[in-house]
Amino acid sequence: MSEYTKPLPKPSPTSRPFWDAAKRHELMLQRCGACGQFIYYPRDRCPHCFADELKWERASGFGKVYSYTVVYRASSRHFMEPYILAIVELNEGPKMTTNIIADPKAVHVDMPVAVYFDDVTPDRTLVKFKPA
């Protein structure tokens, strides 16, 4: 593993279970015990019904590309190579901002994708997606 120089997420007490699961190569989402909705991004209350009965459940790791763009012009010196910035609609319902690991010419809206865990440092794993 070469030295990773890009910014890394800083887990909060609320998001730590998500990042700990990613390190184990598991995609975990919160689910509301009151209304049953899956939630992404991690938070303290359900955005659908405002209940605080959130539990972590393992997600399928599958979804489809909802929207995407290929970034050729970096906003930071850390992201000089082109990359695919996407919103993936997970099979469980929530939409997740992420990267797609694929040839940019092959990506399209509604393309099926599967989770990909990128172990960028010994302590941090990023959640990305690739064609299913």
Protein backbone atom coordinates (compact mmCIF):
# COMPACT_ATOMS: atom_id res chain seq x y z
CA MET A 1 0.00 0.00 0.00
CA SER A 2 1.58 3.33 -1.03
CA GLU A 3 1.29 6.41 1.15
CA TYR A 4 -2.20 7.90 0.90
CA THR A 5 -2.09 11.71 0.68
CA LYS A 6 -5.74 12.62 0.09
CA PRO A 7 -7.99 13.90 2.88
CA LEU A 8 -9.57 11.19 5.03
CA PRO A 9 -12.91 11.11 6.84
CA LYS A 10 -12.85 11.89 10.55
CA PRO A 11 -15.41 9.63 12.21
CA SER A 12 -17.69 11.20 14.80
CA PRO A 13 -19.34 9.21 17.60
CA THR A 14 -22.41 8.96 15.35
CA SER A 15 -20.57 7.83 12.18
CA ARG A 16 -17.94 5.61 13.82
CA PRO A 17 -20.00 2.37 13.41
CA PHE A 18 -20.20 3.05 9.65
CA TRP A 19 -16.42 3.47 9.32
CA ASP A 20 -15.64 0.55 11.63
CA ALA A 21 -17.88 -1.66 9.46
CA ALA A 22 -16.17 -0.41 6.28
CA LYS A 23 -12.84 -1.48 7.74
CA ARG A 24 -14.35 -4.99 8.12
CA HIS A 25 -15.57 -4.73 4.49
CA GLU A 26 -19.22 -4.50 5.54
CA LEU A 27 -21.66 -1.82 4.42
CA MET A 28 -23.78 -0.88 7.43
CA LEU A 29 -26.72 1.52 7.38
CA GLN A 30 -28.87 2.90 10.13
CA ARG A 31 -32.50 1.80 10.17
CA CYS A 32 -35.24 3.53 12.10
CA GLY A 33 -37.05 1.32 14.58
CA ALA A 34 -40.12 3.56 14.45
CA CYS A 35 -40.77 3.92 10.69
CA GLY A 36 -38.49 1.21 9.26
CA GLN A 37 -36.64 3.48 6.82
CA PHE A 38 -32.95 2.94 6.07
CA ILE A 39 -30.86 6.07 6.51
CA TYR A 40 -27.66 7.37 5.01
CA TYR A 41 -25.66 9.45 6.12
CA PRO A 42 -25.33 8.50 9.81
CA ARG A 43 -27.21 10.79 12.19
CA ASP A 44 -28.84 10.88 15.62
CA ARG A 45 -32.48 11.12 14.48
CA CYS A 46 -34.48 9.67 11.61
CA PRO A 47 -34.98 12.32 8.89
CA HIS A 48 -38.32 10.71 7.97
CA CYS A 49 -40.12 10.62 11.35
CA PHE A 50 -37.61 12.29 13.74
CA ALA A 51 -37.47 9.25 16.05
CA ASP A 52 -34.21 8.45 17.79
CA GLU A 53 -34.65 4.65 17.56
CA LEU A 54 -31.81 4.05 15.08
CA LYS A 55 -30.06 0.69 14.83
CA TRP A 56 -27.27 -0.47 12.51
CA GLU A 57 -28.03 -3.18 9.93
CA ARG A 58 -25.89 -4.76 7.27
CA ALA A 59 -26.83 -3.57 3.77
CA SER A 60 -26.72 -5.65 0.60
CA GLY A 61 -23.95 -3.56 -0.95
CA PHE A 62 -25.85 -3.28 -4.24
CA GLY A 63 -27.52 -0.38 -5.97
CA LYS A 64 -27.61 1.61 -9.17
CA VAL A 65 -26.09 4.83 -10.42
CA TYR A 66 -28.62 7.59 -9.80
CA SER A 67 -26.41 10.41 -11.14
CA TYR A 68 -22.73 10.94 -11.89
CA THR A 69 -20.10 13.20 -13.36
CA VAL A 70 -16.51 12.67 -14.42
CA VAL A 71 -14.28 15.20 -12.71
CA TYR A 72 -11.40 16.22 -14.96
CA ARG A 73 -10.57 19.55 -13.35
CA ALA A 74 -9.54 19.08 -9.75
CA SER A 75 -10.76 21.37 -7.02
CA SER A 76 -7.74 20.39 -4.94
CA ARG A 77 -4.17 19.29 -5.63
CA HIS A 78 -5.07 15.98 -3.95
CA PHE A 79 -7.44 15.00 -6.76
CA MET A 80 -5.48 15.60 -9.94
CA GLU A 81 -6.41 12.42 -11.83
CA PRO A 82 -9.90 12.16 -13.34
CA TYR A 83 -12.43 10.38 -11.13
CA ILE A 84 -16.12 9.52 -11.20
CA LEU A 85 -18.20 11.29 -8.58
CA ALA A 86 -21.59 9.63 -8.27
CA ILE A 87 -24.78 9.33 -6.33
CA VAL A 88 -25.68 5.67 -5.91
CA GLU A 89 -29.20 4.67 -4.98
CA LEU A 90 -28.77 1.69 -2.69
CA ASN A 91 -31.18 -1.25 -2.95
CA GLU A 92 -32.28 -0.37 0.60
CA GLY A 93 -33.39 3.08 -0.59
CA PRO A 94 -30.94 5.76 0.57
CA LYS A 95 -28.76 7.64 -1.89
CA MET A 96 -25.03 7.75 -1.20
CA THR A 97 -22.43 10.13 -2.60
CA THR A 98 -19.39 8.06 -3.60
CA ASN A 99 -16.86 7.25 -6.30
CA ILE A 100 -17.32 4.69 -9.06
CA ILE A 101 -14.24 2.64 -9.92
CA ALA A 102 -14.68 2.05 -13.65
CA ASP A 103 -13.87 3.34 -17.11
CA PRO A 104 -15.76 6.66 -17.31
CA LYS A 105 -17.06 5.73 -20.78
CA ALA A 106 -18.78 2.64 -19.34
CA VAL A 107 -20.72 4.39 -16.58
CA HIS A 108 -24.35 5.32 -17.14
CA VAL A 109 -27.44 6.21 -15.12
CA ASP A 110 -29.23 3.11 -13.77
CA MET A 111 -26.05 1.01 -14.13
CA PRO A 112 -26.03 -1.74 -11.46
CA VAL A 113 -23.15 -1.34 -9.01
CA ALA A 114 -21.68 -3.24 -6.07
CA VAL A 115 -19.82 -1.91 -3.07
CA TYR A 116 -16.02 -1.82 -3.24
CA PHE A 117 -13.93 -1.30 -0.12
CA ASP A 118 -10.75 0.68 -0.73
CA ASP A 119 -8.24 0.09 2.10
CA VAL A 120 -6.37 3.38 1.70
CA THR A 121 -4.50 3.24 5.03
CA PRO A 122 -4.08 0.58 7.72
CA ASP A 123 -6.76 2.42 9.76
CA ARG A 124 -9.16 3.72 7.12
CA THR A 125 -11.24 2.09 4.42
CA LEU A 126 -13.26 4.14 1.94
CA VAL A 127 -16.61 2.96 0.58
CA LYS A 128 -16.74 3.13 -3.21
CA PHE A 129 -18.63 1.25 -5.92
CA LYS A 130 -17.81 -0.66 -9.10
CA PRO A 131 -19.96 -2.14 -11.89
CA ALA A 132 -21.94 -5.15 -10.62
